[in-house]
Amino acid sequence: MSALRVVPTWRHGRERLYVCRRDGSNVAWYDPESGRVNLLGEDHREAVLEALKPFLAGPVAVGPPPVPTPAEMARLTLHPDDDLAPNRPGEALLVALDRDPGPAHRFRPDPRRHALAAEQTVGEALDRMEGAGWHTLHSLPLPGGDRVHHLLIGPGGLFAVHALYARKQRVRVDDPLVTVGRHDAEPLLRRLRADADRASHALTAEVRPVLALASPAGLMVTAPPRSLHVLRDTELPGLTGLGAVLKPADVEALHAMARDRNTWA
């Protein structure tokens, strides 16, 4: 057990440090906020504390996790490279822009930056809904290179949320077409339904599509779209007011399943 490594993760401003074997499996984690080291096996105690020594400030409580649920145990067995929970809003775009920032001077803004701004605006709105049994995952990969921008999981069900940049522009929705400002209309709702269907297949549970508009100047919906929500980013908290369809244990199990990269392979 001498070859343990510590992997810090951040989620909504809260740090957690996982202690892993060489194969990436976890043997313990440290929560600095609560000052507790949670051990998955008492025989690992000394090696875990030795690995965490540079990160510990003052006395800490050490012991087994407090009554872990099956979903929590499933999360702990994930290799850090397979855990999608640390993804930031727009994670894939952040990586792409870091690798290829594009030319420094161009006549028009890089459309990737507008898309990133939309995902960050919507993602931050969804992250504020965490709690009361709700979870959000960001930038989930679908086969073929597509992504679910955000997956919201809670008592009201599962929602695949697609962020669309519409800052100071009027948006018209005429199912399946979406028109933003003076741009050409695109059959975006058809794509959103297809992505939600693929997510439903991966999770073996119903996933409903949501189009989230980031900071639009106005919205006109000619008729309520079939089986799809169209919301401004400020209206997203309304999703938590929908009737409960999932039990807490089901929510946790689906969250554990969705955060595993292998689920989406």
Protein backbone atom coordinates (compact mmCIF):
# COMPACT_ATOMS: atom_id res chain seq x y z
CA MET A 1 0.00 0.00 0.00
CA SER A 2 2.99 2.33 -0.28
CA ALA A 3 2.12 3.51 -3.79
CA LEU A 4 -1.05 5.44 -2.96
CA ARG A 5 -1.71 8.76 -4.67
CA VAL A 6 -3.99 11.64 -3.74
CA VAL A 7 -6.36 13.03 -6.38
CA PRO A 8 -8.02 16.38 -5.49
CA THR A 9 -11.44 17.11 -6.98
CA TRP A 10 -13.68 20.17 -6.80
CA ARG A 11 -17.46 20.28 -7.01
CA HIS A 12 -19.35 23.58 -6.60
CA GLY A 13 -16.45 25.09 -4.67
CA ARG A 14 -16.10 22.15 -2.28
CA GLU A 15 -12.86 20.18 -2.24
CA ARG A 16 -12.58 16.42 -1.72
CA LEU A 17 -9.33 14.44 -1.88
CA TYR A 18 -9.48 10.81 -2.98
CA VAL A 19 -6.73 8.36 -2.05
CA CYS A 20 -6.23 5.87 -4.89
CA ARG A 21 -4.26 2.74 -5.69
CA ARG A 22 -2.11 2.54 -8.83
CA ASP A 23 -5.06 1.08 -10.78
CA GLY A 24 -7.14 4.16 -9.90
CA SER A 25 -9.52 2.48 -7.44
CA ASN A 26 -10.24 4.43 -4.26
CA VAL A 27 -9.34 3.29 -0.75
CA ALA A 28 -10.37 6.46 1.12
CA TRP A 29 -11.35 10.10 0.74
CA TYR A 30 -10.74 13.21 2.82
CA ASP A 31 -13.33 15.98 3.19
CA PRO A 32 -11.44 19.10 4.42
CA GLU A 33 -14.69 20.89 5.22
CA SER A 34 -15.83 18.27 7.72
CA GLY A 35 -12.28 17.32 8.74
CA ARG A 36 -12.95 13.63 8.23
CA VAL A 37 -10.95 10.87 6.53
CA ASN A 38 -13.31 8.14 5.34
CA LEU A 39 -11.70 4.71 5.04
CA LEU A 40 -13.04 1.91 2.86
CA GLY A 41 -10.91 -0.58 4.78
CA GLU A 42 -9.39 -0.33 8.25
CA ASP A 43 -6.24 -2.13 7.09
CA HIS A 44 -5.43 0.90 4.88
CA ARG A 45 -5.42 3.40 7.77
CA GLU A 46 -1.67 4.00 8.17
CA ALA A 47 -0.90 4.13 4.44
CA VAL A 48 -3.83 6.50 3.81
CA LEU A 49 -2.81 8.89 6.59
CA GLU A 50 0.77 8.84 5.34
CA ALA A 51 -0.39 9.76 1.80
CA LEU A 52 -2.64 12.52 3.13
CA LYS A 53 -0.10 13.96 5.57
CA PRO A 54 0.82 16.98 3.33
CA PHE A 55 -2.87 17.89 3.01
CA LEU A 56 -4.01 17.59 6.63
CA ALA A 57 -4.26 20.70 8.79
CA GLY A 58 -4.85 19.86 12.42
CA PRO A 59 -6.63 16.86 13.91
CA VAL A 60 -9.05 14.88 11.77
CA ALA A 61 -11.63 12.19 12.42
CA VAL A 62 -10.76 8.84 10.83
CA GLY A 63 -13.14 5.98 10.25
CA PRO A 64 -15.47 4.22 7.86
CA PRO A 65 -17.91 6.28 5.77
CA PRO A 66 -21.09 7.17 7.68
CA VAL A 67 -23.60 4.54 6.52
CA PRO A 68 -22.74 4.68 2.80
CA THR A 69 -25.49 4.00 0.31
CA PRO A 70 -24.99 1.58 -2.60
CA ALA A 71 -24.86 4.57 -4.96
CA GLU A 72 -22.09 6.20 -2.92
CA MET A 73 -20.09 2.99 -2.92
CA ALA A 74 -20.51 2.72 -6.70
CA ARG A 75 -19.13 6.23 -7.12
CA LEU A 76 -16.11 5.44 -4.97
CA THR A 77 -15.13 2.51 -7.17
CA LEU A 78 -14.90 4.76 -10.25
CA HIS A 79 -11.50 5.43 -11.71
CA PRO A 80 -10.95 9.22 -11.59
CA ASP A 81 -10.61 9.30 -15.39
CA ASP A 82 -14.07 7.74 -15.72
CA ASP A 83 -15.83 10.05 -13.25
CA LEU A 84 -17.67 12.81 -15.12
CA ALA A 85 -18.97 14.57 -12.00
CA PRO A 86 -16.03 17.05 -11.83
CA ASN A 87 -16.83 18.30 -15.36
CA ARG A 88 -17.36 22.06 -15.47
CA PRO A 89 -20.15 23.62 -17.54
CA GLY A 90 -18.81 23.67 -21.10
CA GLU A 91 -15.96 21.30 -20.22
CA ALA A 92 -15.54 20.03 -23.79
CA LEU A 93 -15.46 23.58 -25.18
CA LEU A 94 -12.96 24.69 -22.52
CA VAL A 95 -10.66 21.85 -23.53
CA ALA A 96 -11.10 22.60 -27.26
CA LEU A 97 -10.37 26.31 -26.80
CA ASP A 98 -7.34 25.53 -24.68
CA ARG A 99 -5.95 23.28 -27.41
CA ASP A 100 -6.86 25.61 -30.27
CA PRO A 101 -7.67 29.18 -29.17
CA GLY A 102 -8.09 30.28 -32.79
CA PRO A 103 -6.64 33.43 -34.36
CA ALA A 104 -6.14 36.40 -32.05
CA HIS A 105 -7.86 38.80 -34.46
CA ARG A 106 -10.92 37.90 -36.49
CA PHE A 107 -13.84 39.82 -37.95
CA ARG A 108 -16.45 37.81 -36.04
CA PRO A 109 -16.31 36.30 -32.54
CA ASP A 110 -15.41 32.64 -32.37
CA PRO A 111 -18.82 30.86 -32.18
CA ARG A 112 -17.33 28.43 -29.69
CA ARG A 113 -16.97 31.25 -27.18
CA HIS A 114 -20.65 32.17 -27.50
CA ALA A 115 -21.56 28.49 -27.07
CA LEU A 116 -19.31 28.31 -24.00
CA ALA A 117 -20.90 31.43 -22.50
CA ALA A 118 -24.33 29.83 -22.95
CA GLU A 119 -23.30 26.56 -21.30
CA GLN A 120 -21.70 28.42 -18.41
CA THR A 121 -24.77 30.61 -17.85
CA VAL A 122 -27.15 27.65 -17.94
CA GLY A 123 -24.78 25.43 -15.97
CA GLU A 124 -24.47 27.95 -13.18
CA ALA A 125 -28.26 28.23 -12.99
CA LEU A 126 -28.56 24.45 -12.73
CA ASP A 127 -25.76 24.18 -10.15
CA ARG A 128 -27.67 26.58 -7.91
CA MET A 129 -30.50 24.02 -7.88
CA GLU A 130 -28.28 21.37 -6.22
CA GLY A 131 -29.77 20.10 -3.01
CA ALA A 132 -33.19 18.78 -2.02
CA GLY A 133 -32.37 15.61 -3.93
CA TRP A 134 -31.30 17.24 -7.24
CA HIS A 135 -27.98 16.71 -9.06
CA THR A 136 -26.47 18.20 -12.23
CA LEU A 137 -23.79 16.72 -14.49
CA HIS A 138 -22.16 18.70 -17.30
CA SER A 139 -20.77 17.97 -20.75
CA LEU A 140 -21.62 14.27 -21.01
CA PRO A 141 -20.22 12.58 -24.13
CA LEU A 142 -22.52 10.76 -26.54
CA PRO A 143 -21.20 8.32 -29.17
CA GLY A 144 -20.25 10.05 -32.39
CA GLY A 145 -18.92 13.22 -30.78
CA ASP A 146 -22.22 14.76 -29.65
CA ARG A 147 -22.80 15.86 -26.06
CA VAL A 148 -25.52 16.33 -23.52
CA HIS A 149 -24.73 19.86 -22.35
CA HIS A 150 -26.27 19.32 -18.91
CA LEU A 151 -28.13 16.42 -17.27
CA LEU A 152 -30.44 17.36 -14.39
CA ILE A 153 -31.49 14.46 -12.16
CA GLY A 154 -33.96 14.73 -9.30
CA PRO A 155 -37.34 13.75 -7.91
CA GLY A 156 -39.06 15.30 -10.94
CA GLY A 157 -37.15 13.04 -13.36
CA LEU A 158 -34.21 13.37 -15.75
CA PHE A 159 -33.73 16.32 -18.12
CA ALA A 160 -31.21 16.69 -20.94
CA VAL A 161 -30.67 20.46 -21.03
CA HIS A 162 -29.28 22.05 -24.20
CA ALA A 163 -27.90 25.59 -23.76
CA LEU A 164 -28.38 28.06 -26.63
CA TYR A 165 -26.68 31.48 -26.80
CA ALA A 166 -29.33 34.15 -27.34
CA ARG A 167 -27.97 37.20 -25.55
CA LYS A 168 -30.04 40.30 -26.41
CA GLN A 169 -31.67 38.46 -29.33
CA ARG A 170 -35.26 37.45 -29.93
CA VAL A 171 -35.93 33.74 -30.26
CA ARG A 172 -38.78 32.16 -32.20
CA VAL A 173 -39.70 28.50 -31.72
CA ASP A 174 -41.84 26.85 -34.38
CA ASP A 175 -41.41 23.14 -33.71
CA PRO A 176 -38.96 21.75 -34.82
CA LEU A 177 -37.43 25.06 -36.00
CA VAL A 178 -35.64 27.55 -33.76
CA THR A 179 -34.69 31.03 -34.99
CA VAL A 180 -32.29 33.22 -33.03
CA GLY A 181 -32.19 36.90 -34.04
CA ARG A 182 -31.51 37.25 -37.77
CA HIS A 183 -29.92 33.83 -38.14
CA ASP A 184 -31.52 31.17 -40.30
CA ALA A 185 -34.01 28.85 -38.67
CA GLU A 186 -32.61 25.44 -37.70
CA PRO A 187 -34.45 22.20 -36.78
CA LEU A 188 -32.79 22.20 -33.36
CA LEU A 189 -35.66 20.57 -31.47
CA ARG A 190 -35.33 17.46 -33.64
CA ARG A 191 -31.71 17.12 -32.52
CA LEU A 192 -32.59 17.70 -28.86
CA ARG A 193 -35.19 14.93 -28.92
CA ALA A 194 -32.71 12.57 -30.57
CA ASP A 195 -30.05 13.35 -27.93
CA ALA A 196 -32.56 12.81 -25.11
CA ASP A 197 -33.57 9.48 -26.66
CA ARG A 198 -29.91 8.41 -26.75
CA ALA A 199 -29.49 9.42 -23.12
CA SER A 200 -32.63 7.45 -22.24
CA HIS A 201 -31.16 4.40 -23.93
CA ALA A 202 -27.85 4.77 -22.04
CA LEU A 203 -29.53 5.22 -18.65
CA THR A 204 -32.50 2.88 -19.26
CA ALA A 205 -34.78 5.64 -17.93
CA GLU A 206 -36.87 8.39 -19.52
CA VAL A 207 -34.89 11.57 -20.20
CA ARG A 208 -36.87 14.63 -21.27
CA PRO A 209 -35.29 17.31 -23.48
CA VAL A 210 -35.06 20.96 -22.44
CA LEU A 211 -33.96 23.92 -24.56
CA ALA A 212 -32.46 26.55 -22.25
CA LEU A 213 -32.00 30.03 -23.74
CA ALA A 214 -29.16 32.08 -22.28
CA SER A 215 -30.21 35.73 -21.75
CA PRO A 216 -32.66 36.18 -24.66
CA ALA A 217 -34.28 39.55 -25.35
CA GLY A 218 -37.60 37.85 -26.06
CA LEU A 219 -39.19 34.49 -26.75
CA MET A 220 -42.06 33.53 -29.05
CA VAL A 221 -43.32 29.95 -29.09
CA THR A 222 -45.94 29.46 -31.81
CA ALA A 223 -47.27 26.27 -30.16
CA PRO A 224 -46.14 24.23 -27.14
CA PRO A 225 -43.48 21.82 -28.45
CA ARG A 226 -44.22 18.12 -28.15
CA SER A 227 -42.60 16.51 -25.07
CA LEU A 228 -40.04 19.31 -24.72
CA HIS A 229 -39.56 22.32 -22.45
CA VAL A 230 -38.35 25.68 -23.80
CA LEU A 231 -37.13 27.90 -20.95
CA ARG A 232 -35.04 30.99 -20.32
CA ASP A 233 -32.05 30.35 -18.04
CA THR A 234 -33.86 32.26 -15.27
CA GLU A 235 -36.83 29.87 -15.54
CA LEU A 236 -34.88 26.63 -15.03
CA PRO A 237 -35.59 26.41 -11.27
CA GLY A 238 -39.21 25.75 -12.24
CA LEU A 239 -38.21 22.22 -13.23
CA THR A 240 -37.78 21.35 -9.55
CA GLY A 241 -41.45 22.13 -8.98
CA LEU A 242 -42.65 19.30 -11.21
CA GLY A 243 -44.35 16.36 -9.55
CA ALA A 244 -42.10 13.67 -8.09
CA VAL A 245 -41.64 10.61 -10.30
CA LEU A 246 -38.41 9.20 -8.80
CA LYS A 247 -37.68 7.96 -5.29
CA PRO A 248 -34.52 9.27 -3.57
CA ALA A 249 -32.78 5.89 -3.97
CA ASP A 250 -33.56 5.93 -7.71
CA VAL A 251 -32.19 9.46 -8.04
CA GLU A 252 -28.92 8.48 -6.37
CA ALA A 253 -28.59 5.30 -8.43
CA LEU A 254 -29.17 7.18 -11.71
CA HIS A 255 -26.71 9.89 -10.68
CA ALA A 256 -24.06 7.26 -9.94
CA MET A 257 -24.74 5.61 -13.30
CA ALA A 258 -24.72 8.87 -15.27
CA ARG A 259 -21.40 10.09 -13.88
CA ASP A 260 -19.63 6.93 -15.12
CA ARG A 261 -18.04 7.58 -18.54
CA ASN A 262 -18.54 3.93 -19.45
CA THR A 263 -22.31 4.42 -19.31
CA TRP A 264 -22.06 6.68 -22.37
CA ALA A 265 -19.57 4.60 -24.37
